[in-house]
Amino acid sequence: MEQSKSYIECFGWQKKENITRMKLYFFMAAILSFLFSVYLFFTGDELTAIFVGLWVPSLLAAGNFILGGYKYE
């Protein structure tokens, strides 16, 4: 039985530098989302701040799902 390929193997992003860069992009997006949420909260738009704040775990989970489990050589 053939083992299914991960997303990374399907797209051919198998270099260590590319994986590290993609992890950094997901982390930076989560940090920016958090900071934007804090800004919205303190400017008085609490409901939008809560909505944007929910992006943080979603972005981190998406990064983990896409990049998780890949072992580069």
PDB file of N, CA and C in Angstrom:
ATOM      1  N   MET A   1       0.837  -1.169   0.000  1.00  0.00           N
ATOM      2  CA  MET A   1       0.000   0.000   0.000  1.00  0.00           C
ATOM      3  C   MET A   1       0.886   1.239   0.000  1.00  0.00           C
ATOM      4  N   GLU A   2       0.615   2.156  -0.893  1.00  0.00           N
ATOM      5  CA  GLU A   2       1.422   3.356  -1.025  1.00  0.00           C
ATOM      6  C   GLU A   2       0.990   4.403  -0.005  1.00  0.00           C
ATOM      7  N   GLN A   3       1.979   5.011   0.627  1.00  0.00           N
ATOM      8  CA  GLN A   3       1.690   6.033   1.621  1.00  0.00           C
ATOM      9  C   GLN A   3       1.412   7.354   0.912  1.00  0.00           C
ATOM     10  N   SER A   4       0.394   8.084   1.376  1.00  0.00           N
ATOM     11  CA  SER A   4       0.048   9.347   0.735  1.00  0.00           C
ATOM     12  C   SER A   4       1.115  10.397   1.037  1.00  0.00           C
ATOM     13  N   LYS A   5       1.293  11.309   0.096  1.00  0.00           N
ATOM     14  CA  LYS A   5       2.286  12.365   0.247  1.00  0.00           C
ATOM     15  C   LYS A   5       1.705  13.524   1.047  1.00  0.00           C
ATOM     16  N   SER A   6       2.593  14.233   1.734  1.00  0.00           N
ATOM     17  CA  SER A   6       2.150  15.428   2.442  1.00  0.00           C
ATOM     18  C   SER A   6       2.014  16.575   1.444  1.00  0.00           C
ATOM     19  N   TYR A   7       1.422  17.676   1.911  1.00  0.00           N
ATOM     20  CA  TYR A   7       1.267  18.840   1.050  1.00  0.00           C
ATOM     21  C   TYR A   7       2.617  19.344   0.556  1.00  0.00           C
ATOM     22  N   ILE A   8       3.602  19.294   1.427  1.00  0.00           N
ATOM     23  CA  ILE A   8       4.923  19.802   1.077  1.00  0.00           C
ATOM     24  C   ILE A   8       5.528  18.969  -0.042  1.00  0.00           C
ATOM     25  N   GLU A   9       5.398  17.664   0.042  1.00  0.00           N
ATOM     26  CA  GLU A   9       5.950  16.796  -0.994  1.00  0.00           C
ATOM     27  C   GLU A   9       5.207  16.976  -2.313  1.00  0.00           C
ATOM     28  N   CYS A  10       3.911  17.217  -2.250  1.00  0.00           N
ATOM     29  CA  CYS A  10       3.136  17.410  -3.473  1.00  0.00           C
ATOM     30  C   CYS A  10       3.573  18.664  -4.219  1.00  0.00           C
ATOM     31  N   PHE A  11       3.876  19.721  -3.462  1.00  0.00           N
ATOM     32  CA  PHE A  11       4.256  20.974  -4.093  1.00  0.00           C
ATOM     33  C   PHE A  11       5.757  21.070  -4.361  1.00  0.00           C
ATOM     34  N   GLY A  12       6.541  20.191  -3.801  1.00  0.00           N
ATOM     35  CA  GLY A  12       7.971  20.174  -4.060  1.00  0.00           C
ATOM     36  C   GLY A  12       8.773  21.162  -3.229  1.00  0.00           C
ATOM     37  N   TRP A  13       8.245  21.653  -2.120  1.00  0.00           N
ATOM     38  CA  TRP A  13       8.964  22.593  -1.260  1.00  0.00           C
ATOM     39  C   TRP A  13       9.753  21.816  -0.227  1.00  0.00           C
ATOM     40  N   GLN A  14      10.786  21.152  -0.658  1.00  0.00           N
ATOM     41  CA  GLN A  14      11.458  20.223   0.229  1.00  0.00           C
ATOM     42  C   GLN A  14      12.764  20.745   0.804  1.00  0.00           C
ATOM     43  N   LYS A  15      13.120  21.959   0.497  1.00  0.00           N
ATOM     44  CA  LYS A  15      14.357  22.490   1.066  1.00  0.00           C
ATOM     45  C   LYS A  15      14.106  23.024   2.468  1.00  0.00           C
ATOM     46  N   LYS A  16      15.097  22.871   3.316  1.00  0.00           N
ATOM     47  CA  LYS A  16      14.978  23.313   4.702  1.00  0.00           C
ATOM     48  C   LYS A  16      14.717  24.814   4.785  1.00  0.00           C
ATOM     49  N   GLU A  17      15.346  25.598   3.926  1.00  0.00           N
ATOM     50  CA  GLU A  17      15.181  27.050   3.954  1.00  0.00           C
ATOM     51  C   GLU A  17      13.741  27.439   3.619  1.00  0.00           C
ATOM     52  N   ASN A  18      13.134  26.748   2.656  1.00  0.00           N
ATOM     53  CA  ASN A  18      11.756  27.049   2.281  1.00  0.00           C
ATOM     54  C   ASN A  18      10.781  26.716   3.402  1.00  0.00           C
ATOM     55  N   ILE A  19      11.000  25.600   4.069  1.00  0.00           N
ATOM     56  CA  ILE A  19      10.128  25.205   5.177  1.00  0.00           C
ATOM     57  C   ILE A  19      10.245  26.209   6.309  1.00  0.00           C
ATOM     58  N   THR A  20      11.466  26.603   6.642  1.00  0.00           N
ATOM     59  CA  THR A  20      11.682  27.574   7.707  1.00  0.00           C
ATOM     60  C   THR A  20      11.037  28.907   7.358  1.00  0.00           C
ATOM     61  N   ARG A  21      11.158  29.338   6.120  1.00  0.00           N
ATOM     62  CA  ARG A  21      10.560  30.599   5.685  1.00  0.00           C
ATOM     63  C   ARG A  21       9.037  30.534   5.776  1.00  0.00           C
ATOM     64  N   MET A  22       8.453  29.417   5.383  1.00  0.00           N
ATOM     65  CA  MET A  22       6.997  29.280   5.454  1.00  0.00           C
ATOM     66  C   MET A  22       6.511  29.272   6.902  1.00  0.00           C
ATOM     67  N   LYS A  23       7.249  28.625   7.791  1.00  0.00           N
ATOM     68  CA  LYS A  23       6.890  28.650   9.205  1.00  0.00           C
ATOM     69  C   LYS A  23       6.941  30.069   9.752  1.00  0.00           C
ATOM     70  N   LEU A  24       7.944  30.824   9.332  1.00  0.00           N
ATOM     71  CA  LEU A  24       8.069  32.209   9.762  1.00  0.00           C
ATOM     72  C   LEU A  24       6.898  33.047   9.257  1.00  0.00           C
ATOM     73  N   TYR A  25       6.450  32.827   8.033  1.00  0.00           N
ATOM     74  CA  TYR A  25       5.310  33.565   7.484  1.00  0.00           C
ATOM     75  C   TYR A  25       4.037  33.303   8.275  1.00  0.00           C
ATOM     76  N   PHE A  26       3.781  32.056   8.623  1.00  0.00           N
ATOM     77  CA  PHE A  26       2.596  31.745   9.425  1.00  0.00           C
ATOM     78  C   PHE A  26       2.682  32.388  10.801  1.00  0.00           C
ATOM     79  N   PHE A  27       3.860  32.334  11.405  1.00  0.00           N
ATOM     80  CA  PHE A  27       4.038  32.927  12.730  1.00  0.00           C
ATOM     81  C   PHE A  27       3.882  34.437  12.676  1.00  0.00           C
ATOM     82  N   MET A  28       4.451  35.077  11.659  1.00  0.00           N
ATOM     83  CA  MET A  28       4.330  36.528  11.525  1.00  0.00           C
ATOM     84  C   MET A  28       2.879  36.937  11.284  1.00  0.00           C
ATOM     85  N   ALA A  29       2.146  36.164  10.497  1.00  0.00           N
ATOM     86  CA  ALA A  29       0.731  36.464  10.262  1.00  0.00           C
ATOM     87  C   ALA A  29      -0.059  36.372  11.572  1.00  0.00           C
ATOM     88  N   ALA A  30       0.260  35.391  12.404  1.00  0.00           N
ATOM     89  CA  ALA A  30      -0.422  35.254  13.691  1.00  0.00           C
ATOM     90  C   ALA A  30      -0.092  36.428  14.614  1.00  0.00           C
ATOM     91  N   ILE A  31       1.160  36.846  14.644  1.00  0.00           N
ATOM     92  CA  ILE A  31       1.562  37.983  15.479  1.00  0.00           C
ATOM     93  C   ILE A  31       0.874  39.259  15.014  1.00  0.00           C
ATOM     94  N   LEU A  32       0.850  39.499  13.696  1.00  0.00           N
ATOM     95  CA  LEU A  32       0.188  40.687  13.167  1.00  0.00           C
ATOM     96  C   LEU A  32      -1.310  40.668  13.464  1.00  0.00           C
ATOM     97  N   SER A  33      -1.922  39.506  13.381  1.00  0.00           N
ATOM     98  CA  SER A  33      -3.332  39.375  13.710  1.00  0.00           C
ATOM     99  C   SER A  33      -3.578  39.711  15.177  1.00  0.00           C
ATOM    100  N   PHE A  34      -2.718  39.236  16.042  1.00  0.00           N
ATOM    101  CA  PHE A  34      -2.849  39.536  17.466  1.00  0.00           C
ATOM    102  C   PHE A  34      -2.712  41.028  17.737  1.00  0.00           C
ATOM    103  N   LEU A  35      -1.703  41.647  17.145  1.00  0.00           N
ATOM    104  CA  LEU A  35      -1.494  43.078  17.356  1.00  0.00           C
ATOM    105  C   LEU A  35      -2.647  43.903  16.800  1.00  0.00           C
ATOM    106  N   PHE A  36      -3.175  43.509  15.652  1.00  0.00           N
ATOM    107  CA  PHE A  36      -4.311  44.201  15.076  1.00  0.00           C
ATOM    108  C   PHE A  36      -5.539  44.040  15.967  1.00  0.00           C
ATOM    109  N   SER A  37      -5.711  42.872  16.564  1.00  0.00           N
ATOM    110  CA  SER A  37      -6.818  42.626  17.472  1.00  0.00           C
ATOM    111  C   SER A  37      -6.714  43.517  18.718  1.00  0.00           C
ATOM    112  N   VAL A  38      -5.531  43.633  19.263  1.00  0.00           N
ATOM    113  CA  VAL A  38      -5.320  44.495  20.432  1.00  0.00           C
ATOM    114  C   VAL A  38      -5.610  45.951  20.071  1.00  0.00           C
ATOM    115  N   TYR A  39      -5.156  46.383  18.903  1.00  0.00           N
ATOM    116  CA  TYR A  39      -5.422  47.751  18.441  1.00  0.00           C
ATOM    117  C   TYR A  39      -6.924  47.997  18.325  1.00  0.00           C
ATOM    118  N   LEU A  40      -7.629  47.063  17.709  1.00  0.00           N
ATOM    119  CA  LEU A  40      -9.079  47.223  17.562  1.00  0.00           C
ATOM    120  C   LEU A  40      -9.781  47.266  18.911  1.00  0.00           C
ATOM    121  N   PHE A  41      -9.321  46.440  19.839  1.00  0.00           N
ATOM    122  CA  PHE A  41      -9.950  46.395  21.150  1.00  0.00           C
ATOM    123  C   PHE A  41      -9.815  47.736  21.875  1.00  0.00           C
ATOM    124  N   PHE A  42      -8.625  48.312  21.841  1.00  0.00           N
ATOM    125  CA  PHE A  42      -8.406  49.558  22.572  1.00  0.00           C
ATOM    126  C   PHE A  42      -8.927  50.791  21.838  1.00  0.00           C
ATOM    127  N   THR A  43      -9.292  50.645  20.576  1.00  0.00           N
ATOM    128  CA  THR A  43      -9.925  51.769  19.880  1.00  0.00           C
ATOM    129  C   THR A  43     -11.441  51.692  19.970  1.00  0.00           C
ATOM    130  N   GLY A  44     -11.979  50.701  20.680  1.00  0.00           N
ATOM    131  CA  GLY A  44     -13.396  50.650  20.968  1.00  0.00           C
ATOM    132  C   GLY A  44     -14.215  49.683  20.139  1.00  0.00           C
ATOM    133  N   ASP A  45     -13.605  48.952  19.241  1.00  0.00           N
ATOM    134  CA  ASP A  45     -14.344  48.004  18.398  1.00  0.00           C
ATOM    135  C   ASP A  45     -14.128  46.588  18.930  1.00  0.00           C
ATOM    136  N   GLU A  46     -14.775  46.313  20.080  1.00  0.00           N
ATOM    137  CA  GLU A  46     -14.504  45.065  20.788  1.00  0.00           C
ATOM    138  C   GLU A  46     -14.923  43.813  20.016  1.00  0.00           C
ATOM    139  N   LEU A  47     -16.097  43.847  19.376  1.00  0.00           N
ATOM    140  CA  LEU A  47     -16.556  42.647  18.673  1.00  0.00           C
ATOM    141  C   LEU A  47     -15.661  42.287  17.496  1.00  0.00           C
ATOM    142  N   THR A  48     -15.231  43.283  16.749  1.00  0.00           N
ATOM    143  CA  THR A  48     -14.309  43.020  15.643  1.00  0.00           C
ATOM    144  C   THR A  48     -12.962  42.535  16.176  1.00  0.00           C
ATOM    145  N   ALA A  49     -12.542  43.077  17.317  1.00  0.00           N
ATOM    146  CA  ALA A  49     -11.276  42.651  17.925  1.00  0.00           C
ATOM    147  C   ALA A  49     -11.330  41.179  18.324  1.00  0.00           C
ATOM    148  N   ILE A  50     -12.457  40.749  18.842  1.00  0.00           N
ATOM    149  CA  ILE A  50     -12.605  39.335  19.214  1.00  0.00           C
ATOM    150  C   ILE A  50     -12.568  38.459  17.967  1.00  0.00           C
ATOM    151  N   PHE A  51     -13.251  38.913  16.912  1.00  0.00           N
ATOM    152  CA  PHE A  51     -13.247  38.145  15.664  1.00  0.00           C
ATOM    153  C   PHE A  51     -11.835  38.025  15.093  1.00  0.00           C
ATOM    154  N   VAL A  52     -11.116  39.138  15.047  1.00  0.00           N
ATOM    155  CA  VAL A  52      -9.747  39.108  14.518  1.00  0.00           C
ATOM    156  C   VAL A  52      -8.838  38.307  15.439  1.00  0.00           C
ATOM    157  N   GLY A  53      -9.077  38.365  16.742  1.00  0.00           N
ATOM    158  CA  GLY A  53      -8.283  37.593  17.692  1.00  0.00           C
ATOM    159  C   GLY A  53      -8.427  36.089  17.489  1.00  0.00           C
ATOM    160  N   LEU A  54      -9.557  35.667  16.945  1.00  0.00           N
ATOM    161  CA  LEU A  54      -9.737  34.243  16.661  1.00  0.00           C
ATOM    162  C   LEU A  54      -8.911  33.774  15.471  1.00  0.00           C
ATOM    163  N   TRP A  55      -8.395  34.696  14.705  1.00  0.00           N
ATOM    164  CA  TRP A  55      -7.544  34.311  13.577  1.00  0.00           C
ATOM    165  C   TRP A  55      -6.222  33.717  14.052  1.00  0.00           C
ATOM    166  N   VAL A  56      -5.740  34.155  15.209  1.00  0.00           N
ATOM    167  CA  VAL A  56      -4.412  33.721  15.687  1.00  0.00           C
ATOM    168  C   VAL A  56      -4.320  32.200  15.808  1.00  0.00           C
ATOM    169  N   PRO A  57      -5.183  31.549  16.579  1.00  0.00           N
ATOM    170  CA  PRO A  57      -5.065  30.080  16.641  1.00  0.00           C
ATOM    171  C   PRO A  57      -5.387  29.415  15.305  1.00  0.00           C
ATOM    172  N   SER A  58      -6.249  30.058  14.506  1.00  0.00           N
ATOM    173  CA  SER A  58      -6.570  29.480  13.198  1.00  0.00           C
ATOM    174  C   SER A  58      -5.357  29.495  12.279  1.00  0.00           C
ATOM    175  N   LEU A  59      -4.625  30.594  12.278  1.00  0.00           N
ATOM    176  CA  LEU A  59      -3.417  30.680  11.452  1.00  0.00           C
ATOM    177  C   LEU A  59      -2.354  29.696  11.925  1.00  0.00           C
ATOM    178  N   LEU A  60      -2.176  29.598  13.236  1.00  0.00           N
ATOM    179  CA  LEU A  60      -1.184  28.665  13.759  1.00  0.00           C
ATOM    180  C   LEU A  60      -1.583  27.216  13.476  1.00  0.00           C
ATOM    181  N   ALA A  61      -2.865  26.922  13.578  1.00  0.00           N
ATOM    182  CA  ALA A  61      -3.332  25.565  13.277  1.00  0.00           C
ATOM    183  C   ALA A  61      -3.171  25.245  11.795  1.00  0.00           C
ATOM    184  N   ALA A  62      -3.459  26.219  10.934  1.00  0.00           N
ATOM    185  CA  ALA A  62      -3.287  26.000   9.494  1.00  0.00           C
ATOM    186  C   ALA A  62      -1.818  25.746   9.161  1.00  0.00           C
ATOM    187  N   GLY A  63      -0.925  26.515   9.770  1.00  0.00           N
ATOM    188  CA  GLY A  63       0.498  26.290   9.552  1.00  0.00           C
ATOM    189  C   GLY A  63       0.951  24.932  10.039  1.00  0.00           C
ATOM    190  N   ASN A  64       0.425  24.524  11.177  1.00  0.00           N
ATOM    191  CA  ASN A  64       0.768  23.205  11.709  1.00  0.00           C
ATOM    192  C   ASN A  64       0.218  22.095  10.822  1.00  0.00           C
ATOM    193  N   PHE A  65      -0.989  22.284  10.304  1.00  0.00           N
ATOM    194  CA  PHE A  65      -1.597  21.275   9.448  1.00  0.00           C
ATOM    195  C   PHE A  65      -0.835  21.140   8.136  1.00  0.00           C
ATOM    196  N   ILE A  66      -0.456  22.262   7.548  1.00  0.00           N
ATOM    197  CA  ILE A  66       0.222  22.239   6.250  1.00  0.00           C
ATOM    198  C   ILE A  66       1.677  21.805   6.389  1.00  0.00           C
ATOM    199  N   LEU A  67       2.364  22.323   7.398  1.00  0.00           N
ATOM    200  CA  LEU A  67       3.799  22.065   7.528  1.00  0.00           C
ATOM    201  C   LEU A  67       4.134  20.988   8.557  1.00  0.00           C
ATOM    202  N   GLY A  68       3.191  20.610   9.377  1.00  0.00           N
ATOM    203  CA  GLY A  68       3.458  19.650  10.435  1.00  0.00           C
ATOM    204  C   GLY A  68       3.745  18.258   9.904  1.00  0.00           C
ATOM    205  N   GLY A  69       4.610  17.574  10.584  1.00  0.00           N
ATOM    206  CA  GLY A  69       4.910  16.192  10.219  1.00  0.00           C
ATOM    207  C   GLY A  69       5.891  16.056   9.072  1.00  0.00           C
ATOM    208  N   TYR A  70       6.340  17.156   8.525  1.00  0.00           N
ATOM    209  CA  TYR A  70       7.298  17.058   7.416  1.00  0.00           C
ATOM    210  C   TYR A  70       8.694  17.061   7.985  1.00  0.00           C
ATOM    211  N   LYS A  71       9.477  16.070   7.600  1.00  0.00           N
ATOM    212  CA  LYS A  71      10.869  15.975   8.056  1.00  0.00           C
ATOM    213  C   LYS A  71      11.766  16.172   6.838  1.00  0.00           C
ATOM    214  N   TYR A  72      12.485  17.288   6.855  1.00  0.00           N
ATOM    215  CA  TYR A  72      13.391  17.567   5.742  1.00  0.00           C
ATOM    216  C   TYR A  72      14.724  16.860   5.982  1.00  0.00           C
ATOM    217  N   GLU A  73      15.416  16.654   4.909  1.00  0.00           N
ATOM    218  CA  GLU A  73      16.701  15.943   4.999  1.00  0.00           C
ATOM    219  C   GLU A  73      17.867  16.885   4.973  1.00  0.00           C
TER     220      GLU A  73
END
